[in-house]
Amino acid sequence: QELREKIALADAVIIGTPEYVFSVPAILKNALEWCVASTVFTDKPTALIVAASAGEKTFEQLSLILKTIQCRIEPGTMLHVKGARTKLQDKELNDQLDRVFYATIALLNGNDTTVTQ
C-alpha cells in the first residue's frame, strides 16, 4: 500500500536495475506486480535504465511490463547499458543518462522527449 501511495504521489518514476540470471530481479518484479491491480502507473512518466553485462532480456521484459501497466514511457526515457562494470566512469554513459533524465522531465512537462540539454 505504501509503495502504491508513493508512486501515485510521484511526478515521475525512474527504474534502474541490473539483470539477474537473464531476468528482472525478483524483488523489482514483485513490487511491480503489487501495483498491477491499481492505476498508479497509468500515464505516469517513467524512465527505465538497465545496467548489466548483457541485459537484453531484462530490458525487453521490463519494457513490456511497463507498457502493460500503462506507464508513459518512450524510447528517449529508456537506456540499456551493456558492459556496465567497465562504464562506471564513462563520459558517454553520463551523457546518455543526462539525455534519459532530460527526456523524462520533458515527458513530465508534456514536451517532445527528443529535447536536448
PDB file of N, CA and C in Angstrom:
ATOM      1  N   GLN A   1       0.833  -1.182   0.000  1.00  0.00           N
ATOM      2  CA  GLN A   1       0.000   0.000   0.000  1.00  0.00           C
ATOM      3  C   GLN A   1       0.885   1.256   0.000  1.00  0.00           C
ATOM      4  N   GLU A   2       1.919   1.252   0.840  1.00  0.00           N
ATOM      5  CA  GLU A   2       2.816   2.408   0.927  1.00  0.00           C
ATOM      6  C   GLU A   2       3.524   2.667  -0.410  1.00  0.00           C
ATOM      7  N   LEU A   3       3.973   1.610  -1.065  1.00  0.00           N
ATOM      8  CA  LEU A   3       4.630   1.754  -2.371  1.00  0.00           C
ATOM      9  C   LEU A   3       3.670   2.375  -3.377  1.00  0.00           C
ATOM     10  N   ARG A   4       2.452   1.868  -3.448  1.00  0.00           N
ATOM     11  CA  ARG A   4       1.469   2.412  -4.388  1.00  0.00           C
ATOM     12  C   ARG A   4       1.183   3.883  -4.096  1.00  0.00           C
ATOM     13  N   GLU A   5       1.098   4.233  -2.829  1.00  0.00           N
ATOM     14  CA  GLU A   5       0.848   5.632  -2.464  1.00  0.00           C
ATOM     15  C   GLU A   5       1.994   6.532  -2.910  1.00  0.00           C
ATOM     16  N   LYS A   6       3.240   6.074  -2.718  1.00  0.00           N
ATOM     17  CA  LYS A   6       4.395   6.875  -3.116  1.00  0.00           C
ATOM     18  C   LYS A   6       4.463   7.041  -4.630  1.00  0.00           C
ATOM     19  N   ILE A   7       4.141   5.993  -5.356  1.00  0.00           N
ATOM     20  CA  ILE A   7       4.137   6.085  -6.820  1.00  0.00           C
ATOM     21  C   ILE A   7       3.036   7.039  -7.268  1.00  0.00           C
ATOM     22  N   ALA A   8       1.869   6.934  -6.660  1.00  0.00           N
ATOM     23  CA  ALA A   8       0.756   7.819  -7.019  1.00  0.00           C
ATOM     24  C   ALA A   8       1.107   9.288  -6.793  1.00  0.00           C
ATOM     25  N   LEU A   9       1.854   9.577  -5.748  1.00  0.00           N
ATOM     26  CA  LEU A   9       2.224  10.958  -5.431  1.00  0.00           C
ATOM     27  C   LEU A   9       3.392  11.482  -6.271  1.00  0.00           C
ATOM     28  N   ALA A  10       4.176  10.580  -6.841  1.00  0.00           N
ATOM     29  CA  ALA A  10       5.358  10.976  -7.613  1.00  0.00           C
ATOM     30  C   ALA A  10       4.969  11.610  -8.940  1.00  0.00           C
ATOM     31  N   ASP A  11       5.743  12.612  -9.357  1.00  0.00           N
ATOM     32  CA  ASP A  11       5.533  13.217 -10.671  1.00  0.00           C
ATOM     33  C   ASP A  11       6.002  12.286 -11.780  1.00  0.00           C
ATOM     34  N   ALA A  12       7.059  11.527 -11.499  1.00  0.00           N
ATOM     35  CA  ALA A  12       7.634  10.595 -12.460  1.00  0.00           C
ATOM     36  C   ALA A  12       8.323   9.476 -11.682  1.00  0.00           C
ATOM     37  N   VAL A  13       8.611   8.383 -12.376  1.00  0.00           N
ATOM     38  CA  VAL A  13       9.281   7.245 -11.750  1.00  0.00           C
ATOM     39  C   VAL A  13      10.513   6.887 -12.582  1.00  0.00           C
ATOM     40  N   ILE A  14      11.623   6.650 -11.906  1.00  0.00           N
ATOM     41  CA  ILE A  14      12.836   6.178 -12.564  1.00  0.00           C
ATOM     42  C   ILE A  14      13.133   4.791 -12.024  1.00  0.00           C
ATOM     43  N   ILE A  15      13.193   3.819 -12.919  1.00  0.00           N
ATOM     44  CA  ILE A  15      13.509   2.446 -12.535  1.00  0.00           C
ATOM     45  C   ILE A  15      14.882   2.124 -13.086  1.00  0.00           C
ATOM     46  N   GLY A  16      15.813   1.854 -12.203  1.00  0.00           N
ATOM     47  CA  GLY A  16      17.162   1.465 -12.583  1.00  0.00           C
ATOM     48  C   GLY A  16      17.448   0.104 -11.982  1.00  0.00           C
ATOM     49  N   THR A  17      17.902  -0.831 -12.789  1.00  0.00           N
ATOM     50  CA  THR A  17      18.096  -2.187 -12.287  1.00  0.00           C
ATOM     51  C   THR A  17      19.211  -2.921 -13.033  1.00  0.00           C
ATOM     52  N   PRO A  18      19.815  -3.886 -12.360  1.00  0.00           N
ATOM     53  CA  PRO A  18      20.719  -4.807 -13.049  1.00  0.00           C
ATOM     54  C   PRO A  18      19.883  -5.960 -13.618  1.00  0.00           C
ATOM     55  N   GLU A  19      20.558  -6.843 -14.305  1.00  0.00           N
ATOM     56  CA  GLU A  19      19.925  -8.087 -14.754  1.00  0.00           C
ATOM     57  C   GLU A  19      20.345  -9.178 -13.783  1.00  0.00           C
ATOM     58  N   TYR A  20      19.441 -10.098 -13.491  1.00  0.00           N
ATOM     59  CA  TYR A  20      19.770 -11.194 -12.589  1.00  0.00           C
ATOM     60  C   TYR A  20      19.341 -12.497 -13.232  1.00  0.00           C
ATOM     61  N   VAL A  21      20.291 -13.328 -13.591  1.00  0.00           N
ATOM     62  CA  VAL A  21      20.057 -14.604 -14.250  1.00  0.00           C
ATOM     63  C   VAL A  21      19.157 -14.408 -15.482  1.00  0.00           C
ATOM     64  N   PHE A  22      19.546 -13.482 -16.333  1.00  0.00           N
ATOM     65  CA  PHE A  22      18.840 -13.180 -17.583  1.00  0.00           C
ATOM     66  C   PHE A  22      17.392 -12.758 -17.380  1.00  0.00           C
ATOM     67  N   SER A  23      17.109 -12.089 -16.273  1.00  0.00           N
ATOM     68  CA  SER A  23      15.735 -11.703 -15.996  1.00  0.00           C
ATOM     69  C   SER A  23      15.677 -10.481 -15.090  1.00  0.00           C
ATOM     70  N   VAL A  24      14.460 -10.013 -14.868  1.00  0.00           N
ATOM     71  CA  VAL A  24      14.197  -8.918 -13.940  1.00  0.00           C
ATOM     72  C   VAL A  24      14.426  -9.430 -12.524  1.00  0.00           C
ATOM     73  N   PRO A  25      15.150  -8.702 -11.681  1.00  0.00           N
ATOM     74  CA  PRO A  25      15.302  -9.145 -10.291  1.00  0.00           C
ATOM     75  C   PRO A  25      13.928  -9.369  -9.649  1.00  0.00           C
ATOM     76  N   ALA A  26      13.813 -10.451  -8.920  1.00  0.00           N
ATOM     77  CA  ALA A  26      12.525 -10.862  -8.344  1.00  0.00           C
ATOM     78  C   ALA A  26      11.889  -9.780  -7.483  1.00  0.00           C
ATOM     79  N   ILE A  27      12.677  -9.068  -6.711  1.00  0.00           N
ATOM     80  CA  ILE A  27      12.111  -8.054  -5.825  1.00  0.00           C
ATOM     81  C   ILE A  27      11.480  -6.905  -6.623  1.00  0.00           C
ATOM     82  N   LEU A  28      12.088  -6.539  -7.763  1.00  0.00           N
ATOM     83  CA  LEU A  28      11.517  -5.497  -8.606  1.00  0.00           C
ATOM     84  C   LEU A  28      10.237  -6.004  -9.278  1.00  0.00           C
ATOM     85  N   LYS A  29      10.277  -7.209  -9.815  1.00  0.00           N
ATOM     86  CA  LYS A  29       9.092  -7.800 -10.455  1.00  0.00           C
ATOM     87  C   LYS A  29       7.951  -7.885  -9.462  1.00  0.00           C
ATOM     88  N   ASN A  30       8.243  -8.310  -8.251  1.00  0.00           N
ATOM     89  CA  ASN A  30       7.218  -8.423  -7.217  1.00  0.00           C
ATOM     90  C   ASN A  30       6.626  -7.053  -6.888  1.00  0.00           C
ATOM     91  N   ALA A  31       7.478  -6.039  -6.771  1.00  0.00           N
ATOM     92  CA  ALA A  31       6.989  -4.690  -6.467  1.00  0.00           C
ATOM     93  C   ALA A  31       6.061  -4.195  -7.572  1.00  0.00           C
ATOM     94  N   LEU A  32       6.435  -4.424  -8.819  1.00  0.00           N
ATOM     95  CA  LEU A  32       5.584  -4.011  -9.933  1.00  0.00           C
ATOM     96  C   LEU A  32       4.268  -4.778  -9.933  1.00  0.00           C
ATOM     97  N   GLU A  33       4.336  -6.055  -9.613  1.00  0.00           N
ATOM     98  CA  GLU A  33       3.118  -6.875  -9.582  1.00  0.00           C
ATOM     99  C   GLU A  33       2.145  -6.408  -8.503  1.00  0.00           C
ATOM    100  N   TRP A  34       2.640  -5.863  -7.408  1.00  0.00           N
ATOM    101  CA  TRP A  34       1.761  -5.337  -6.367  1.00  0.00           C
ATOM    102  C   TRP A  34       1.012  -4.099  -6.856  1.00  0.00           C
ATOM    103  N   CYS A  35       1.479  -3.518  -7.931  1.00  0.00           N
ATOM    104  CA  CYS A  35       0.839  -2.303  -8.469  1.00  0.00           C
ATOM    105  C   CYS A  35      -0.105  -2.594  -9.633  1.00  0.00           C
ATOM    106  N   VAL A  36      -0.105  -3.806 -10.138  1.00  0.00           N
ATOM    107  CA  VAL A  36      -0.887  -4.144 -11.323  1.00  0.00           C
ATOM    108  C   VAL A  36      -2.382  -3.886 -11.150  1.00  0.00           C
ATOM    109  N   ALA A  37      -2.941  -4.234 -10.034  1.00  0.00           N
ATOM    110  CA  ALA A  37      -4.384  -4.087  -9.828  1.00  0.00           C
ATOM    111  C   ALA A  37      -4.805  -2.633  -9.590  1.00  0.00           C
ATOM    112  N   SER A  38      -3.836  -1.736  -9.495  1.00  0.00           N
ATOM    113  CA  SER A  38      -4.132  -0.323  -9.287  1.00  0.00           C
ATOM    114  C   SER A  38      -3.868   0.436 -10.586  1.00  0.00           C
ATOM    115  N   THR A  39      -4.070   1.730 -10.551  1.00  0.00           N
ATOM    116  CA  THR A  39      -3.785   2.557 -11.722  1.00  0.00           C
ATOM    117  C   THR A  39      -2.640   3.535 -11.446  1.00  0.00           C
ATOM    118  N   VAL A  40      -1.818   3.242 -10.438  1.00  0.00           N
ATOM    119  CA  VAL A  40      -0.777   4.200 -10.037  1.00  0.00           C
ATOM    120  C   VAL A  40       0.243   4.479 -11.136  1.00  0.00           C
ATOM    121  N   PHE A  41       0.465   3.518 -12.024  1.00  0.00           N
ATOM    122  CA  PHE A  41       1.426   3.725 -13.102  1.00  0.00           C
ATOM    123  C   PHE A  41       0.776   4.256 -14.381  1.00  0.00           C
ATOM    124  N   THR A  42      -0.548   4.274 -14.438  1.00  0.00           N
ATOM    125  CA  THR A  42      -1.240   4.703 -15.642  1.00  0.00           C
ATOM    126  C   THR A  42      -0.875   6.139 -15.999  1.00  0.00           C
ATOM    127  N   ASP A  43      -0.277   6.289 -17.175  1.00  0.00           N
ATOM    128  CA  ASP A  43       0.152   7.583 -17.717  1.00  0.00           C
ATOM    129  C   ASP A  43       1.221   8.286 -16.872  1.00  0.00           C
ATOM    130  N   LYS A  44       1.914   7.524 -16.016  1.00  0.00           N
ATOM    131  CA  LYS A  44       2.984   8.084 -15.176  1.00  0.00           C
ATOM    132  C   LYS A  44       4.268   8.166 -16.005  1.00  0.00           C
ATOM    133  N   PRO A  45       4.856   9.357 -16.185  1.00  0.00           N
ATOM    134  CA  PRO A  45       6.133   9.441 -16.892  1.00  0.00           C
ATOM    135  C   PRO A  45       7.169   8.547 -16.197  1.00  0.00           C
ATOM    136  N   THR A  46       7.801   7.686 -16.985  1.00  0.00           N
ATOM    137  CA  THR A  46       8.692   6.673 -16.419  1.00  0.00           C
ATOM    138  C   THR A  46       9.971   6.560 -17.232  1.00  0.00           C
ATOM    139  N   ALA A  47      11.087   6.458 -16.527  1.00  0.00           N
ATOM    140  CA  ALA A  47      12.383   6.196 -17.155  1.00  0.00           C
ATOM    141  C   ALA A  47      12.801   4.780 -16.768  1.00  0.00           C
ATOM    142  N   LEU A  48      13.431   4.097 -17.693  1.00  0.00           N
ATOM    143  CA  LEU A  48      13.917   2.745 -17.455  1.00  0.00           C
ATOM    144  C   LEU A  48      15.401   2.688 -17.800  1.00  0.00           C
ATOM    145  N   ILE A  49      16.206   2.240 -16.829  1.00  0.00           N
ATOM    146  CA  ILE A  49      17.638   2.068 -17.051  1.00  0.00           C
ATOM    147  C   ILE A  49      18.013   0.654 -16.603  1.00  0.00           C
ATOM    148  N   VAL A  50      18.532  -0.129 -17.533  1.00  0.00           N
ATOM    149  CA  VAL A  50      19.017  -1.471 -17.216  1.00  0.00           C
ATOM    150  C   VAL A  50      20.522  -1.457 -17.432  1.00  0.00           C
ATOM    151  N   ALA A  51      21.274  -1.790 -16.391  1.00  0.00           N
ATOM    152  CA  ALA A  51      22.732  -1.832 -16.459  1.00  0.00           C
ATOM    153  C   ALA A  51      23.188  -3.238 -16.102  1.00  0.00           C
ATOM    154  N   ALA A  52      23.844  -3.898 -17.048  1.00  0.00           N
ATOM    155  CA  ALA A  52      24.248  -5.287 -16.832  1.00  0.00           C
ATOM    156  C   ALA A  52      25.384  -5.640 -17.783  1.00  0.00           C
ATOM    157  N   SER A  53      25.898  -6.850 -17.645  1.00  0.00           N
ATOM    158  CA  SER A  53      26.896  -7.330 -18.599  1.00  0.00           C
ATOM    159  C   SER A  53      26.282  -7.401 -19.986  1.00  0.00           C
ATOM    160  N   ALA A  54      25.090  -7.985 -20.057  1.00  0.00           N
ATOM    161  CA  ALA A  54      24.359  -8.051 -21.322  1.00  0.00           C
ATOM    162  C   ALA A  54      23.059  -7.258 -21.166  1.00  0.00           C
ATOM    163  N   GLY A  55      22.079  -7.828 -20.477  1.00  0.00           N
ATOM    164  CA  GLY A  55      20.878  -7.096 -20.114  1.00  0.00           C
ATOM    165  C   GLY A  55      19.746  -7.075 -21.114  1.00  0.00           C
ATOM    166  N   GLU A  56      19.902  -7.703 -22.267  1.00  0.00           N
ATOM    167  CA  GLU A  56      18.860  -7.655 -23.282  1.00  0.00           C
ATOM    168  C   GLU A  56      17.526  -8.196 -22.783  1.00  0.00           C
ATOM    169  N   LYS A  57      17.557  -9.330 -22.118  1.00  0.00           N
ATOM    170  CA  LYS A  57      16.314  -9.966 -21.642  1.00  0.00           C
ATOM    171  C   LYS A  57      15.591  -9.086 -20.630  1.00  0.00           C
ATOM    172  N   THR A  58      16.328  -8.546 -19.686  1.00  0.00           N
ATOM    173  CA  THR A  58      15.717  -7.696 -18.665  1.00  0.00           C
ATOM    174  C   THR A  58      15.143  -6.436 -19.296  1.00  0.00           C
ATOM    175  N   PHE A  59      15.881  -5.827 -20.208  1.00  0.00           N
ATOM    176  CA  PHE A  59      15.416  -4.614 -20.878  1.00  0.00           C
ATOM    177  C   PHE A  59      14.117  -4.907 -21.631  1.00  0.00           C
ATOM    178  N   GLU A  60      14.099  -6.010 -22.341  1.00  0.00           N
ATOM    179  CA  GLU A  60      12.913  -6.413 -23.106  1.00  0.00           C
ATOM    180  C   GLU A  60      11.734  -6.705 -22.177  1.00  0.00           C
ATOM    181  N   GLN A  61      11.979  -7.472 -21.119  1.00  0.00           N
ATOM    182  CA  GLN A  61      10.907  -7.843 -20.187  1.00  0.00           C
ATOM    183  C   GLN A  61      10.337  -6.620 -19.467  1.00  0.00           C
ATOM    184  N   LEU A  62      11.219  -5.768 -18.969  1.00  0.00           N
ATOM    185  CA  LEU A  62      10.735  -4.583 -18.244  1.00  0.00           C
ATOM    186  C   LEU A  62      10.015  -3.607 -19.167  1.00  0.00           C
ATOM    187  N   SER A  63      10.485  -3.463 -20.378  1.00  0.00           N
ATOM    188  CA  SER A  63       9.794  -2.604 -21.341  1.00  0.00           C
ATOM    189  C   SER A  63       8.363  -3.084 -21.532  1.00  0.00           C
ATOM    190  N   LEU A  64       8.192  -4.381 -21.704  1.00  0.00           N
ATOM    191  CA  LEU A  64       6.861  -4.958 -21.883  1.00  0.00           C
ATOM    192  C   LEU A  64       6.002  -4.772 -20.633  1.00  0.00           C
ATOM    193  N   ILE A  65       6.571  -5.023 -19.462  1.00  0.00           N
ATOM    194  CA  ILE A  65       5.823  -4.872 -18.212  1.00  0.00           C
ATOM    195  C   ILE A  65       5.368  -3.422 -18.044  1.00  0.00           C
ATOM    196  N   LEU A  66       6.268  -2.477 -18.255  1.00  0.00           N
ATOM    197  CA  LEU A  66       5.927  -1.066 -18.063  1.00  0.00           C
ATOM    198  C   LEU A  66       4.881  -0.593 -19.060  1.00  0.00           C
ATOM    199  N   LYS A  67       4.948  -1.079 -20.289  1.00  0.00           N
ATOM    200  CA  LYS A  67       3.911  -0.732 -21.271  1.00  0.00           C
ATOM    201  C   LYS A  67       2.581  -1.379 -20.890  1.00  0.00           C
ATOM    202  N   THR A  68       2.633  -2.597 -20.373  1.00  0.00           N
ATOM    203  CA  THR A  68       1.421  -3.304 -19.977  1.00  0.00           C
ATOM    204  C   THR A  68       0.707  -2.600 -18.829  1.00  0.00           C
ATOM    205  N   ILE A  69       1.467  -2.052 -17.873  1.00  0.00           N
ATOM    206  CA  ILE A  69       0.822  -1.346 -16.760  1.00  0.00           C
ATOM    207  C   ILE A  69       0.595   0.129 -17.105  1.00  0.00           C
ATOM    208  N   GLN A  70       0.755   0.453 -18.383  1.00  0.00           N
ATOM    209  CA  GLN A  70       0.414   1.736 -18.974  1.00  0.00           C
ATOM    210  C   GLN A  70       1.244   2.924 -18.490  1.00  0.00           C
ATOM    211  N   CYS A  71       2.512   2.658 -18.202  1.00  0.00           N
ATOM    212  CA  CYS A  71       3.427   3.760 -17.906  1.00  0.00           C
ATOM    213  C   CYS A  71       3.564   4.616 -19.151  1.00  0.00           C
ATOM    214  N   ARG A  72       3.854   5.860 -18.945  1.00  0.00           N
ATOM    215  CA  ARG A  72       4.174   6.752 -20.052  1.00  0.00           C
ATOM    216  C   ARG A  72       5.678   6.648 -20.261  1.00  0.00           C
ATOM    217  N   ILE A  73       6.064   5.786 -21.170  1.00  0.00           N
ATOM    218  CA  ILE A  73       7.475   5.516 -21.416  1.00  0.00           C
ATOM    219  C   ILE A  73       7.723   5.603 -22.911  1.00  0.00           C
ATOM    220  N   GLU A  74       8.835   6.210 -23.276  1.00  0.00           N
ATOM    221  CA  GLU A  74       9.171   6.392 -24.683  1.00  0.00           C
ATOM    222  C   GLU A  74      10.637   6.027 -24.891  1.00  0.00           C
ATOM    223  N   PRO A  75      11.044   5.806 -26.134  1.00  0.00           N
ATOM    224  CA  PRO A  75      12.443   5.446 -26.391  1.00  0.00           C
ATOM    225  C   PRO A  75      13.450   6.397 -25.738  1.00  0.00           C
ATOM    226  N   GLY A  76      13.137   7.678 -25.686  1.00  0.00           N
ATOM    227  CA  GLY A  76      14.056   8.644 -25.086  1.00  0.00           C
ATOM    228  C   GLY A  76      14.205   8.514 -23.586  1.00  0.00           C
ATOM    229  N   THR A  77      13.256   7.817 -22.940  1.00  0.00           N
ATOM    230  CA  THR A  77      13.322   7.657 -21.483  1.00  0.00           C
ATOM    231  C   THR A  77      13.811   6.261 -21.094  1.00  0.00           C
ATOM    232  N   MET A  78      14.394   5.559 -22.074  1.00  0.00           N
ATOM    233  CA  MET A  78      14.885   4.199 -21.824  1.00  0.00           C
ATOM    234  C   MET A  78      16.371   4.123 -22.171  1.00  0.00           C
ATOM    235  N   LEU A  79      17.128   3.435 -21.326  1.00  0.00           N
ATOM    236  CA  LEU A  79      18.565   3.273 -21.573  1.00  0.00           C
ATOM    237  C   LEU A  79      18.990   1.869 -21.179  1.00  0.00           C
ATOM    238  N   HIS A  80      19.661   1.208 -22.113  1.00  0.00           N
ATOM    239  CA  HIS A  80      20.213  -0.123 -21.877  1.00  0.00           C
ATOM    240  C   HIS A  80      21.734   0.012 -21.859  1.00  0.00           C
ATOM    241  N   VAL A  81      22.334  -0.193 -20.690  1.00  0.00           N
ATOM    242  CA  VAL A  81      23.783  -0.059 -20.521  1.00  0.00           C
ATOM    243  C   VAL A  81      24.397  -1.454 -20.520  1.00  0.00           C
ATOM    244  N   LYS A  82      25.033  -1.801 -21.631  1.00  0.00           N
ATOM    245  CA  LYS A  82      25.709  -3.106 -21.728  1.00  0.00           C
ATOM    246  C   LYS A  82      27.130  -2.959 -21.211  1.00  0.00           C
ATOM    247  N   GLY A  83      27.648  -4.001 -20.596  1.00  0.00           N
ATOM    248  CA  GLY A  83      29.018  -3.953 -20.075  1.00  0.00           C
ATOM    249  C   GLY A  83      29.167  -2.939 -18.963  1.00  0.00           C
ATOM    250  N   ALA A  84      28.194  -2.890 -18.086  1.00  0.00           N
ATOM    251  CA  ALA A  84      28.112  -1.848 -17.057  1.00  0.00           C
ATOM    252  C   ALA A  84      29.349  -1.762 -16.171  1.00  0.00           C
ATOM    253  N   ARG A  85      29.968  -2.867 -15.870  1.00  0.00           N
ATOM    254  CA  ARG A  85      31.126  -2.843 -14.957  1.00  0.00           C
ATOM    255  C   ARG A  85      32.277  -2.005 -15.486  1.00  0.00           C
ATOM    256  N   THR A  86      32.400  -1.918 -16.780  1.00  0.00           N
ATOM    257  CA  THR A  86      33.516  -1.170 -17.367  1.00  0.00           C
ATOM    258  C   THR A  86      33.160   0.292 -17.636  1.00  0.00           C
ATOM    259  N   LYS A  87      31.935   0.703 -17.331  1.00  0.00           N
ATOM    260  CA  LYS A  87      31.481   2.041 -17.705  1.00  0.00           C
ATOM    261  C   LYS A  87      31.192   2.970 -16.532  1.00  0.00           C
ATOM    262  N   LEU A  88      31.648   2.630 -15.353  1.00  0.00           N
ATOM    263  CA  LEU A  88      31.312   3.434 -14.182  1.00  0.00           C
ATOM    264  C   LEU A  88      31.810   4.874 -14.286  1.00  0.00           C
ATOM    265  N   GLN A  89      32.917   5.107 -14.952  1.00  0.00           N
ATOM    266  CA  GLN A  89      33.467   6.459 -15.090  1.00  0.00           C
ATOM    267  C   GLN A  89      33.404   6.937 -16.537  1.00  0.00           C
ATOM    268  N   ASP A  90      32.508   6.377 -17.322  1.00  0.00           N
ATOM    269  CA  ASP A  90      32.428   6.642 -18.746  1.00  0.00           C
ATOM    270  C   ASP A  90      31.653   7.935 -19.046  1.00  0.00           C
ATOM    271  N   LYS A  91      32.292   8.898 -19.710  1.00  0.00           N
ATOM    272  CA  LYS A  91      31.639  10.172 -20.029  1.00  0.00           C
ATOM    273  C   LYS A  91      30.449   9.969 -20.955  1.00  0.00           C
ATOM    274  N   GLU A  92      30.576   9.075 -21.917  1.00  0.00           N
ATOM    275  CA  GLU A  92      29.465   8.814 -22.833  1.00  0.00           C
ATOM    276  C   GLU A  92      28.241   8.297 -22.073  1.00  0.00           C
ATOM    277  N   LEU A  93      28.469   7.425 -21.097  1.00  0.00           N
ATOM    278  CA  LEU A  93      27.356   6.926 -20.288  1.00  0.00           C
ATOM    279  C   LEU A  93      26.720   8.062 -19.501  1.00  0.00           C
ATOM    280  N   ASN A  94      27.535   8.929 -18.936  1.00  0.00           N
ATOM    281  CA  ASN A  94      26.986  10.076 -18.200  1.00  0.00           C
ATOM    282  C   ASN A  94      26.133  10.950 -19.114  1.00  0.00           C
ATOM    283  N   ASP A  95      26.569  11.143 -20.361  1.00  0.00           N
ATOM    284  CA  ASP A  95      25.795  11.921 -21.325  1.00  0.00           C
ATOM    285  C   ASP A  95      24.481  11.214 -21.661  1.00  0.00           C
ATOM    286  N   GLN A  96      24.528   9.889 -21.803  1.00  0.00           N
ATOM    287  CA  GLN A  96      23.318   9.123 -22.085  1.00  0.00           C
ATOM    288  C   GLN A  96      22.332   9.213 -20.921  1.00  0.00           C
ATOM    289  N   LEU A  97      22.839   9.134 -19.707  1.00  0.00           N
ATOM    290  CA  LEU A  97      21.974   9.263 -18.531  1.00  0.00           C
ATOM    291  C   LEU A  97      21.344  10.649 -18.481  1.00  0.00           C
ATOM    292  N   ASP A  98      22.128  11.669 -18.774  1.00  0.00           N
ATOM    293  CA  ASP A  98      21.580  13.029 -18.835  1.00  0.00           C
ATOM    294  C   ASP A  98      20.438  13.106 -19.833  1.00  0.00           C
ATOM    295  N   ARG A  99      20.630  12.503 -21.015  1.00  0.00           N
ATOM    296  CA  ARG A  99      19.576  12.543 -22.038  1.00  0.00           C
ATOM    297  C   ARG A  99      18.308  11.848 -21.553  1.00  0.00           C
ATOM    298  N   VAL A 100      18.453  10.706 -20.867  1.00  0.00           N
ATOM    299  CA  VAL A 100      17.280   9.990 -20.335  1.00  0.00           C
ATOM    300  C   VAL A 100      16.559  10.856 -19.310  1.00  0.00           C
ATOM    301  N   PHE A 101      17.306  11.478 -18.416  1.00  0.00           N
ATOM    302  CA  PHE A 101      16.678  12.299 -17.384  1.00  0.00           C
ATOM    303  C   PHE A 101      15.997  13.530 -17.993  1.00  0.00           C
ATOM    304  N   TYR A 102      16.654  14.178 -18.957  1.00  0.00           N
ATOM    305  CA  TYR A 102      16.046  15.329 -19.617  1.00  0.00           C
ATOM    306  C   TYR A 102      14.800  14.920 -20.399  1.00  0.00           C
ATOM    307  N   ALA A 103      14.837  13.757 -21.054  1.00  0.00           N
ATOM    308  CA  ALA A 103      13.671  13.274 -21.801  1.00  0.00           C
ATOM    309  C   ALA A 103      12.522  12.952 -20.854  1.00  0.00           C
ATOM    310  N   THR A 104      12.838  12.418 -19.688  1.00  0.00           N
ATOM    311  CA  THR A 104      11.800  12.111 -18.710  1.00  0.00           C
ATOM    312  C   THR A 104      11.164  13.402 -18.185  1.00  0.00           C
ATOM    313  N   ILE A 105      11.977  14.401 -17.934  1.00  0.00           N
ATOM    314  CA  ILE A 105      11.453  15.699 -17.492  1.00  0.00           C
ATOM    315  C   ILE A 105      10.598  16.317 -18.602  1.00  0.00           C
ATOM    316  N   ALA A 106      11.054  16.194 -19.841  1.00  0.00           N
ATOM    317  CA  ALA A 106      10.272  16.717 -20.966  1.00  0.00           C
ATOM    318  C   ALA A 106       8.933  15.998 -21.067  1.00  0.00           C
ATOM    319  N   LEU A 107       8.938  14.686 -20.887  1.00  0.00           N
ATOM    320  CA  LEU A 107       7.700  13.899 -20.915  1.00  0.00           C
ATOM    321  C   LEU A 107       6.771  14.341 -19.795  1.00  0.00           C
ATOM    322  N   LEU A 108       7.328  14.565 -18.636  1.00  0.00           N
ATOM    323  CA  LEU A 108       6.567  15.028 -17.477  1.00  0.00           C
ATOM    324  C   LEU A 108       5.900  16.372 -17.767  1.00  0.00           C
ATOM    325  N   ASN A 109       6.624  17.240 -18.466  1.00  0.00           N
ATOM    326  CA  ASN A 109       6.123  18.565 -18.775  1.00  0.00           C
ATOM    327  C   ASN A 109       5.278  18.603 -20.053  1.00  0.00           C
ATOM    328  N   GLY A 110       5.083  17.440 -20.673  1.00  0.00           N
ATOM    329  CA  GLY A 110       4.267  17.385 -21.882  1.00  0.00           C
ATOM    330  C   GLY A 110       4.978  17.875 -23.128  1.00  0.00           C
ATOM    331  N   ASN A 111       6.305  17.863 -23.094  1.00  0.00           N
ATOM    332  CA  ASN A 111       7.093  18.338 -24.235  1.00  0.00           C
ATOM    333  C   ASN A 111       7.623  17.172 -25.036  1.00  0.00           C
ATOM    334  N   ASP A 112       8.207  17.485 -26.173  1.00  0.00           N
ATOM    335  CA  ASP A 112       8.858  16.499 -27.032  1.00  0.00           C
ATOM    336  C   ASP A 112      10.008  15.873 -26.263  1.00  0.00           C
ATOM    337  N   THR A 113      10.074  14.549 -26.216  1.00  0.00           N
ATOM    338  CA  THR A 113      11.117  13.864 -25.443  1.00  0.00           C
ATOM    339  C   THR A 113      12.459  13.847 -26.143  1.00  0.00           C
ATOM    340  N   THR A 114      12.552  14.420 -27.330  1.00  0.00           N
ATOM    341  CA  THR A 114      13.843  14.491 -28.006  1.00  0.00           C
ATOM    342  C   THR A 114      14.597  15.751 -27.638  1.00  0.00           C
ATOM    343  N   VAL A 115      14.092  16.466 -26.626  1.00  0.00           N
ATOM    344  CA  VAL A 115      14.727  17.694 -26.157  1.00  0.00           C
ATOM    345  C   VAL A 115      16.150  17.388 -25.700  1.00  0.00           C
ATOM    346  N   THR A 116      17.080  18.244 -26.078  1.00  0.00           N
ATOM    347  CA  THR A 116      18.469  18.081 -25.635  1.00  0.00           C
ATOM    348  C   THR A 116      18.780  19.164 -24.613  1.00  0.00           C
ATOM    349  N   GLN A 117      19.920  19.002 -23.951  1.00  0.00           N
ATOM    350  CA  GLN A 117      20.337  19.977 -22.936  1.00  0.00           C
ATOM    351  C   GLN A 117      20.451  21.358 -23.495  1.00  0.00           C
TER     352      GLN A 117
END
